[in-house]
C-alpha atoms as a PDB file:
ATOM      1  CA  MET A   1     115.054 138.697 116.761  1.00  0.00           C
ATOM      2  CA  SER A   2     118.789 138.723 116.746  1.00  0.00           C
ATOM      3  CA  LYS A   3     120.546 136.842 119.575  1.00  0.00           C
ATOM      4  CA  THR A   4     121.826 138.493 122.918  1.00  0.00           C
ATOM      5  CA  LEU A   5     125.564 138.817 123.510  1.00  0.00           C
ATOM      6  CA  VAL A   6     125.391 135.876 126.276  1.00  0.00           C
ATOM      7  CA  ALA A   7     123.580 133.740 123.682  1.00  0.00           C
ATOM      8  CA  ARG A   8     126.255 134.302 121.039  1.00  0.00           C
ATOM      9  CA  VAL A   9     129.080 133.643 123.427  1.00  0.00           C
ATOM     10  CA  ARG A  10     127.660 130.276 124.872  1.00  0.00           C
ATOM     11  CA  ASP A  11     126.894 129.374 121.226  1.00  0.00           C
ATOM     12  CA  GLY A  12     130.663 129.730 120.509  1.00  0.00           C
ATOM     13  CA  ASP A  13     130.730 132.669 118.303  1.00  0.00           C
ATOM     14  CA  VAL A  14     133.338 134.980 118.089  1.00  0.00           C
ATOM     15  CA  VAL A  15     132.464 138.559 119.083  1.00  0.00           C
ATOM     16  CA  TYR A  16     134.501 141.695 119.312  1.00  0.00           C
ATOM     17  CA  ALA A  17     134.635 144.960 121.226  1.00  0.00           C
ATOM     18  CA  ARG A  18     135.955 148.038 121.836  1.00  0.00           C
ATOM     19  CA  PHE A  19     136.839 149.551 125.301  1.00  0.00           C
ATOM     20  CA  MET A  20     135.587 152.909 125.855  1.00  0.00           C
ATOM     21  CA  ASN A  21     137.426 155.594 128.064  1.00  0.00           C
ATOM     22  CA  LEU A  22     135.814 158.691 126.751  1.00  0.00           C
ATOM     23  CA  ALA A  23     132.393 160.063 127.760  1.00  0.00           C
ATOM     24  CA  ALA A  24     131.178 160.441 123.935  1.00  0.00           C
ATOM     25  CA  PRO A  25     128.049 158.514 123.112  1.00  0.00           C
ATOM     26  CA  GLN A  26     128.923 159.406 119.358  1.00  0.00           C
ATOM     27  CA  VAL A  27     132.024 157.114 119.742  1.00  0.00           C
ATOM     28  CA  VAL A  28     129.927 154.212 120.744  1.00  0.00           C
ATOM     29  CA  GLU A  29     127.620 154.886 118.126  1.00  0.00           C
ATOM     30  CA  ILE A  30     130.517 154.927 115.606  1.00  0.00           C
ATOM     31  CA  ALA A  31     131.625 151.602 116.869  1.00  0.00           C
ATOM     32  CA  GLY A  32     128.143 149.875 116.306  1.00  0.00           C
ATOM     33  CA  LEU A  33     128.037 151.318 112.935  1.00  0.00           C
ATOM     34  CA  ALA A  34     131.603 150.136 111.980  1.00  0.00           C
ATOM     35  CA  GLY A  35     130.519 146.622 112.899  1.00  0.00           C
ATOM     36  CA  PHE A  36     131.690 145.745 116.571  1.00  0.00           C
ATOM     37  CA  ASP A  37     129.537 143.470 118.385  1.00  0.00           C
ATOM     38  CA  PHE A  38     129.679 145.213 121.854  1.00  0.00           C
ATOM     39  CA  VAL A  39     131.533 148.020 123.715  1.00  0.00           C
ATOM     40  CA  ILE A  40     133.033 147.930 127.274  1.00  0.00           C
ATOM     41  CA  CYS A  41     132.719 151.288 129.167  1.00  0.00           C
ATOM     42  CA  ASP A  42     135.692 151.200 131.375  1.00  0.00           C
ATOM     43  CA  THR A  43     135.663 152.823 134.959  1.00  0.00           C
ATOM     44  CA  GLU A  44     138.796 151.064 136.098  1.00  0.00           C
ATOM     45  CA  HIS A  45     141.302 153.130 133.943  1.00  0.00           C
ATOM     46  CA  GLY A  46     139.129 155.764 132.591  1.00  0.00           C
ATOM     47  CA  SER A  47     137.332 158.626 134.224  1.00  0.00           C
ATOM     48  CA  LEU A  48     133.870 157.771 133.430  1.00  0.00           C
ATOM     49  CA  SER A  49     131.024 158.540 135.794  1.00  0.00           C
ATOM     50  CA  PHE A  50     127.739 156.327 136.283  1.00  0.00           C
ATOM     51  CA  GLU A  51     126.100 159.295 134.461  1.00  0.00           C
ATOM     52  CA  SER A  52     128.196 158.983 131.475  1.00  0.00           C
ATOM     53  CA  ILE A  53     127.882 155.343 131.428  1.00  0.00           C
ATOM     54  CA  GLU A  54     124.217 155.506 131.048  1.00  0.00           C
ATOM     55  CA  ASN A  55     124.656 157.685 128.243  1.00  0.00           C
ATOM     56  CA  LEU A  56     127.073 155.225 126.654  1.00  0.00           C
ATOM     57  CA  VAL A  57     124.723 152.559 127.415  1.00  0.00           C
ATOM     58  CA  ARG A  58     121.851 154.271 125.802  1.00  0.00           C
ATOM     59  CA  ALA A  59     123.973 154.929 122.679  1.00  0.00           C
ATOM     60  CA  ALA A  60     124.959 151.314 122.281  1.00  0.00           C
ATOM     61  CA  GLN A  61     121.543 150.092 122.231  1.00  0.00           C
ATOM     62  CA  VAL A  62     120.613 152.916 119.751  1.00  0.00           C
ATOM     63  CA  ALA A  63     123.538 151.537 117.511  1.00  0.00           C
ATOM     64  CA  GLY A  64     122.420 147.830 117.998  1.00  0.00           C
ATOM     65  CA  ILE A  65     125.477 146.477 119.851  1.00  0.00           C
ATOM     66  CA  ALA A  66     125.672 145.246 123.658  1.00  0.00           C
ATOM     67  CA  PRO A  67     126.871 147.615 126.294  1.00  0.00           C
ATOM     68  CA  LEU A  68     129.255 146.203 129.083  1.00  0.00           C
ATOM     69  CA  VAL A  69     130.708 147.784 132.133  1.00  0.00           C
ATOM     70  CA  ARG A  70     134.111 147.088 133.715  1.00  0.00           C
ATOM     71  CA  VAL A  71     133.797 148.124 137.344  1.00  0.00           C
ATOM     72  CA  TYR A  72     137.009 148.942 139.048  1.00  0.00           C
ATOM     73  CA  GLU A  73     136.703 146.725 141.820  1.00  0.00           C
ATOM     74  CA  SER A  74     134.912 143.486 142.852  1.00  0.00           C
ATOM     75  CA  SER A  75     132.142 145.273 144.601  1.00  0.00           C
ATOM     76  CA  PRO A  76     128.143 144.042 144.602  1.00  0.00           C
ATOM     77  CA  ALA A  77     127.194 147.809 144.935  1.00  0.00           C
ATOM     78  CA  LEU A  78     129.296 148.990 141.698  1.00  0.00           C
ATOM     79  CA  VAL A  79     128.194 145.995 139.977  1.00  0.00           C
ATOM     80  CA  SER A  80     124.502 146.672 140.729  1.00  0.00           C
ATOM     81  CA  ARG A  81     124.704 150.381 139.729  1.00  0.00           C
ATOM     82  CA  ALA A  82     126.353 149.427 136.418  1.00  0.00           C
ATOM     83  CA  LEU A  83     123.762 146.897 135.666  1.00  0.00           C
ATOM     84  CA  ASP A  84     121.171 149.274 136.511  1.00  0.00           C
ATOM     85  CA  THR A  85     121.925 151.718 133.967  1.00  0.00           C
ATOM     86  CA  GLY A  86     120.904 148.889 131.333  1.00  0.00           C
ATOM     87  CA  ALA A  87     124.329 147.318 130.790  1.00  0.00           C
ATOM     88  CA  GLN A  88     124.024 143.762 129.468  1.00  0.00           C
ATOM     89  CA  GLY A  89     127.401 142.343 131.129  1.00  0.00           C
ATOM     90  CA  ILE A  90     129.957 143.098 133.717  1.00  0.00           C
ATOM     91  CA  LEU A  91     133.730 142.642 133.708  1.00  0.00           C
ATOM     92  CA  VAL A  92     135.455 142.760 137.014  1.00  0.00           C
ATOM     93  CA  PRO A  93     139.477 142.836 137.315  1.00  0.00           C
ATOM     94  CA  GLN A  94     141.822 140.780 139.424  1.00  0.00           C
ATOM     95  CA  ILE A  95     139.417 137.853 140.248  1.00  0.00           C
ATOM     96  CA  CYS A  96     141.973 135.533 142.172  1.00  0.00           C
ATOM     97  CA  SER A  97     139.856 132.846 143.800  1.00  0.00           C
ATOM     98  CA  ARG A  98     136.715 130.855 143.741  1.00  0.00           C
ATOM     99  CA  GLU A  99     135.088 132.889 146.576  1.00  0.00           C
ATOM    100  CA  GLU A 100     135.826 136.089 144.636  1.00  0.00           C
ATOM    101  CA  ALA A 101     134.359 134.437 141.395  1.00  0.00           C
ATOM    102  CA  GLU A 102     131.223 133.216 143.461  1.00  0.00           C
ATOM    103  CA  SER A 103     130.744 136.952 144.745  1.00  0.00           C
ATOM    104  CA  LEU A 104     130.814 138.331 141.182  1.00  0.00           C
ATOM    105  CA  ALA A 105     128.023 135.820 140.029  1.00  0.00           C
ATOM    106  CA  GLN A 106     125.916 136.400 142.796  1.00  0.00           C
ATOM    107  CA  ALA A 107     126.099 140.193 142.378  1.00  0.00           C
ATOM    108  CA  CYS A 108     124.966 140.040 138.809  1.00  0.00           C
ATOM    109  CA  ARG A 109     121.882 138.172 139.213  1.00  0.00           C
ATOM    110  CA  PHE A 110     118.601 138.195 141.389  1.00  0.00           C
ATOM    111  CA  ALA A 111     117.260 135.172 143.490  1.00  0.00           C
ATOM    112  CA  PRO A 112     117.136 132.287 143.060  1.00  0.00           C
ATOM    113  CA  MET A 113     120.465 132.661 140.942  1.00  0.00           C
ATOM    114  CA  GLY A 114     121.860 135.354 142.750  1.00  0.00           C
ATOM    115  CA  GLN A 115     121.577 138.314 145.233  1.00  0.00           C
ATOM    116  CA  ARG A 116     121.615 141.413 142.815  1.00  0.00           C
ATOM    117  CA  GLY A 117     120.302 144.396 144.689  1.00  0.00           C
ATOM    118  CA  VAL A 118     116.656 144.734 143.658  1.00  0.00           C
ATOM    119  CA  CYS A 119     115.214 147.904 142.233  1.00  0.00           C
ATOM    120  CA  ARG A 120     112.623 148.717 139.721  1.00  0.00           C
ATOM    121  CA  TYR A 121     112.901 152.279 139.663  1.00  0.00           C
ATOM    122  CA  VAL A 122     116.124 152.118 137.307  1.00  0.00           C
ATOM    123  CA  ARG A 123     116.798 152.403 133.465  1.00  0.00           C
ATOM    124  CA  ALA A 124     117.264 149.076 133.275  1.00  0.00           C
ATOM    125  CA  ALA A 125     113.699 148.067 134.281  1.00  0.00           C
ATOM    126  CA  GLN A 126     112.437 151.014 132.038  1.00  0.00           C
ATOM    127  CA  TYR A 127     111.813 152.918 135.289  1.00  0.00           C
ATOM    128  CA  THR A 128     108.965 150.315 136.338  1.00  0.00           C
ATOM    129  CA  ALA A 129     107.440 150.282 132.657  1.00  0.00           C
ATOM    130  CA  LEU A 130     108.560 146.615 132.451  1.00  0.00           C
ATOM    131  CA  ASP A 131     106.593 143.787 134.538  1.00  0.00           C
ATOM    132  CA  ARG A 132     108.733 143.093 137.456  1.00  0.00           C
ATOM    133  CA  TYR A 133     108.683 139.518 137.259  1.00  0.00           C
ATOM    134  CA  SER A 134     109.635 139.687 133.430  1.00  0.00           C
ATOM    135  CA  TYR A 135     112.417 142.187 134.197  1.00  0.00           C
ATOM    136  CA  PHE A 136     114.089 139.807 137.078  1.00  0.00           C
ATOM    137  CA  SER A 137     114.133 136.873 134.623  1.00  0.00           C
ATOM    138  CA  LYS A 138     115.196 138.696 131.471  1.00  0.00           C
ATOM    139  CA  ALA A 139     118.091 140.353 133.593  1.00  0.00           C
ATOM    140  CA  ASN A 140     119.101 136.885 134.922  1.00  0.00           C
ATOM    141  CA  ALA A 141     118.913 135.457 131.298  1.00  0.00           C
ATOM    142  CA  GLU A 142     120.719 138.135 129.404  1.00  0.00           C
ATOM    143  CA  THR A 143     123.521 139.248 131.751  1.00  0.00           C
ATOM    144  CA  LEU A 144     127.162 138.284 130.746  1.00  0.00           C
ATOM    145  CA  VAL A 145     129.422 137.758 133.639  1.00  0.00           C
ATOM    146  CA  VAL A 146     132.989 138.221 133.058  1.00  0.00           C
ATOM    147  CA  ALA A 147     135.884 137.211 135.464  1.00  0.00           C
ATOM    148  CA  MET A 148     139.381 138.835 134.469  1.00  0.00           C
ATOM    149  CA  ILE A 149     142.050 136.478 135.409  1.00  0.00           C
ATOM    150  CA  GLU A 150     145.413 138.830 135.414  1.00  0.00           C
ATOM    151  CA  GLY A 151     147.940 137.608 137.911  1.00  0.00           C
ATOM    152  CA  LYS A 152     149.806 134.649 139.393  1.00  0.00           C
ATOM    153  CA  GLU A 153     147.044 133.953 142.320  1.00  0.00           C
ATOM    154  CA  GLY A 154     144.304 133.780 139.831  1.00  0.00           C
ATOM    155  CA  ILE A 155     146.114 131.213 137.518  1.00  0.00           C
ATOM    156  CA  GLY A 156     147.163 129.191 140.513  1.00  0.00           C
ATOM    157  CA  ASN A 157     143.216 129.155 141.577  1.00  0.00           C
ATOM    158  CA  LEU A 158     142.041 128.779 137.942  1.00  0.00           C
ATOM    159  CA  PRO A 159     140.743 125.155 138.264  1.00  0.00           C
ATOM    160  CA  GLN A 160     138.189 126.419 140.944  1.00  0.00           C
ATOM    161  CA  ILE A 161     137.386 129.841 139.214  1.00  0.00           C
ATOM    162  CA  ILE A 162     136.572 127.814 136.111  1.00  0.00           C
ATOM    163  CA  ASP A 163     134.093 125.528 138.202  1.00  0.00           C
ATOM    164  CA  THR A 164     132.295 128.358 139.712  1.00  0.00           C
ATOM    165  CA  PRO A 165     128.836 128.436 138.401  1.00  0.00           C
ATOM    166  CA  GLY A 166     127.409 131.610 136.820  1.00  0.00           C
ATOM    167  CA  ILE A 167     130.506 132.756 135.138  1.00  0.00           C
ATOM    168  CA  ASP A 168     130.419 133.038 131.502  1.00  0.00           C
ATOM    169  CA  VAL A 169     133.576 134.273 130.355  1.00  0.00           C
ATOM    170  CA  LEU A 170     137.306 134.121 131.553  1.00  0.00           C
ATOM    171  CA  PHE A 171     139.025 137.252 130.259  1.00  0.00           C
ATOM    172  CA  VAL A 172     142.723 137.356 130.373  1.00  0.00           C
ATOM    173  CA  GLY A 173     144.115 140.594 130.872  1.00  0.00           C
ATOM    174  CA  PRO A 174     147.559 140.482 128.945  1.00  0.00           C
ATOM    175  CA  TYR A 175     149.047 143.771 130.483  1.00  0.00           C
ATOM    176  CA  ASP A 176     148.407 142.898 134.024  1.00  0.00           C
ATOM    177  CA  LEU A 177     149.481 139.374 133.570  1.00  0.00           C
ATOM    178  CA  SER A 178     152.674 140.785 132.104  1.00  0.00           C
ATOM    179  CA  GLN A 179     153.317 142.592 135.076  1.00  0.00           C
ATOM    180  CA  SER A 180     152.623 139.824 137.427  1.00  0.00           C
ATOM    181  CA  LEU A 181     155.195 137.788 135.631  1.00  0.00           C
ATOM    182  CA  GLY A 182     157.651 140.818 136.187  1.00  0.00           C
ATOM    183  CA  MET A 183     157.734 141.946 132.549  1.00  0.00           C
ATOM    184  CA  PRO A 184     155.235 144.891 132.336  1.00  0.00           C
ATOM    185  CA  GLY A 185     154.040 145.516 128.636  1.00  0.00           C
ATOM    186  CA  GLN A 186     155.788 142.478 127.160  1.00  0.00           C
ATOM    187  CA  VAL A 187     152.633 141.114 126.023  1.00  0.00           C
ATOM    188  CA  GLU A 188     153.959 139.170 123.295  1.00  0.00           C
ATOM    189  CA  SER A 189     156.803 137.603 125.367  1.00  0.00           C
ATOM    190  CA  PRO A 190     156.821 133.791 125.352  1.00  0.00           C
ATOM    191  CA  ALA A 191     156.082 133.696 129.033  1.00  0.00           C
ATOM    192  CA  VAL A 192     152.998 135.620 128.824  1.00  0.00           C
ATOM    193  CA  GLU A 193     151.796 133.965 125.790  1.00  0.00           C
ATOM    194  CA  GLU A 194     152.514 130.429 127.372  1.00  0.00           C
ATOM    195  CA  GLN A 195     150.182 131.345 130.188  1.00  0.00           C
ATOM    196  CA  MET A 196     147.401 132.691 128.047  1.00  0.00           C
ATOM    197  CA  THR A 197     147.508 129.577 126.031  1.00  0.00           C
ATOM    198  CA  CYS A 198     147.391 127.311 129.041  1.00  0.00           C
ATOM    199  CA  ILE A 199     144.372 129.407 130.609  1.00  0.00           C
ATOM    200  CA  ALA A 200     142.425 129.020 127.260  1.00  0.00           C
ATOM    201  CA  ARG A 201     142.942 125.334 126.975  1.00  0.00           C
ATOM    202  CA  MET A 202     142.017 124.660 130.372  1.00  0.00           C
ATOM    203  CA  ALA A 203     138.846 127.090 130.279  1.00  0.00           C
ATOM    204  CA  ARG A 204     137.835 125.667 126.981  1.00  0.00           C
ATOM    205  CA  SER A 205     138.112 122.072 128.175  1.00  0.00           C
ATOM    206  CA  ARG A 206     135.653 122.816 130.908  1.00  0.00           C
ATOM    207  CA  GLY A 207     133.261 124.459 128.194  1.00  0.00           C
ATOM    208  CA  LEU A 208     134.122 127.948 129.314  1.00  0.00           C
ATOM    209  CA  ALA A 209     134.477 130.747 127.085  1.00  0.00           C
ATOM    210  CA  VAL A 210     137.785 132.954 126.925  1.00  0.00           C
ATOM    211  CA  GLY A 211     138.566 136.294 126.027  1.00  0.00           C
ATOM    212  CA  THR A 212     141.539 138.742 125.803  1.00  0.00           C
ATOM    213  CA  PHE A 213     142.577 142.036 124.587  1.00  0.00           C
ATOM    214  CA  VAL A 214     144.525 142.677 121.625  1.00  0.00           C
ATOM    215  CA  ASP A 215     146.181 146.121 120.315  1.00  0.00           C
ATOM    216  CA  ASP A 216     145.849 145.098 116.571  1.00  0.00           C
ATOM    217  CA  ALA A 217     144.246 142.686 114.209  1.00  0.00           C
ATOM    218  CA  VAL A 218     147.053 140.205 113.655  1.00  0.00           C
ATOM    219  CA  ALA A 219     147.020 139.405 117.503  1.00  0.00           C
ATOM    220  CA  ALA A 220     143.280 139.056 117.169  1.00  0.00           C
ATOM    221  CA  ARG A 221     143.620 136.499 114.543  1.00  0.00           C
ATOM    222  CA  ARG A 222     146.241 134.541 116.521  1.00  0.00           C
ATOM    223  CA  TRP A 223     144.243 134.372 119.676  1.00  0.00           C
ATOM    224  CA  VAL A 224     141.177 133.406 118.039  1.00  0.00           C
ATOM    225  CA  ARG A 225     142.926 130.506 116.201  1.00  0.00           C
ATOM    226  CA  ALA A 226     144.175 129.662 119.970  1.00  0.00           C
ATOM    227  CA  GLY A 227     140.503 129.174 121.131  1.00  0.00           C
ATOM    228  CA  PHE A 228     139.736 132.909 122.517  1.00  0.00           C
ATOM    229  CA  GLN A 229     136.442 134.237 121.181  1.00  0.00           C
ATOM    230  CA  PHE A 230     135.743 137.330 123.326  1.00  0.00           C
ATOM    231  CA  ILE A 231     138.046 139.842 121.683  1.00  0.00           C
ATOM    232  CA  SER A 232     138.492 143.645 122.795  1.00  0.00           C
ATOM    233  CA  PHE A 233     140.355 145.555 120.168  1.00  0.00           C
ATOM    234  CA  SER A 234     142.199 148.380 121.479  1.00  0.00           C
ATOM    235  CA  VAL A 235     140.579 151.410 123.251  1.00  0.00           C
ATOM    236  CA  ASP A 236     138.596 154.342 121.818  1.00  0.00           C
ATOM    237  CA  VAL A 237     141.498 157.152 122.708  1.00  0.00           C
ATOM    238  CA  GLY A 238     144.050 154.822 120.997  1.00  0.00           C
ATOM    239  CA  ILE A 239     142.267 154.261 117.884  1.00  0.00           C
ATOM    240  CA  ILE A 240     141.594 158.046 117.582  1.00  0.00           C
ATOM    241  CA  TYR A 241     145.193 158.899 118.398  1.00  0.00           C
ATOM    242  CA  LYS A 242     146.453 156.506 115.575  1.00  0.00           C
ATOM    243  CA  ALA A 243     144.038 157.871 112.959  1.00  0.00           C
ATOM    244  CA  MET A 244     144.959 161.436 113.755  1.00  0.00           C
ATOM    245  CA  LYS A 245     148.945 160.573 113.863  1.00  0.00           C
ATOM    246  CA  ASP A 246     148.572 158.820 110.504  1.00  0.00           C
ATOM    247  CA  SER A 247     146.749 161.690 109.040  1.00  0.00           C
ATOM    248  CA  ALA A 248     149.290 164.476 110.267  1.00  0.00           C
ATOM    249  CA  ASP A 249     152.150 162.283 109.208  1.00  0.00           C
ATOM    250  CA  ALA A 250     150.728 161.813 105.762  1.00  0.00           C
ATOM    251  CA  LEU A 251     150.033 165.455 105.395  1.00  0.00           C
ATOM    252  CA  ARG A 252     153.832 166.513 106.105  1.00  0.00           C
ATOM    253  CA  ARG A 253     155.244 163.891 103.858  1.00  0.00           C
END
């Protein structure tokens, strides 16, 4: 039996994903066939509904990769709805304090590890086909909890966030971080890269996995060398645009 995503992360494996903004299960399947380890269905910047997320989660499972969901805010109700679709993990943006990190960890797991809303009549529980106790235990063991650090406040409270029980990955959002530092979009600036390196060093020293978003393979390799192991490579719409643009330009040469 292959390892779950959370087991791979805890074992130190480097894993790669794509952000998904399109309500297109076919694109998720293609990501799996292409060799990605997981996808992140994005409700923060995309237009995905929970109905479309469920279909993307289903497609990921068909393709043999892990489906994660980024909710648009730190809300236990949003987290619960996303996990009820069968998602194997949650990303929450702009985690700025230990209290917010604790709330996230609690929302993602059932008692005694947390306070996730309980309902067996959902896809994650196979609509009650799963034994209830097996479902609760399996969900707690296999759910990946990702706290996104994206601004000065989160960096200032980083030691407390890192020490929060139940957080599996710190994900540094380079674009929001660049904005927080007053240079939006300058993700390769020395100031942004210095902060990212410091975050990774502190997280790794406490045994916590760290991840980030990259626009290209060169950046991915650089951050893997710096200790990042949870890498999101671009977004479905950007990849499709680039492929189409390259094709259109080649046809006109």
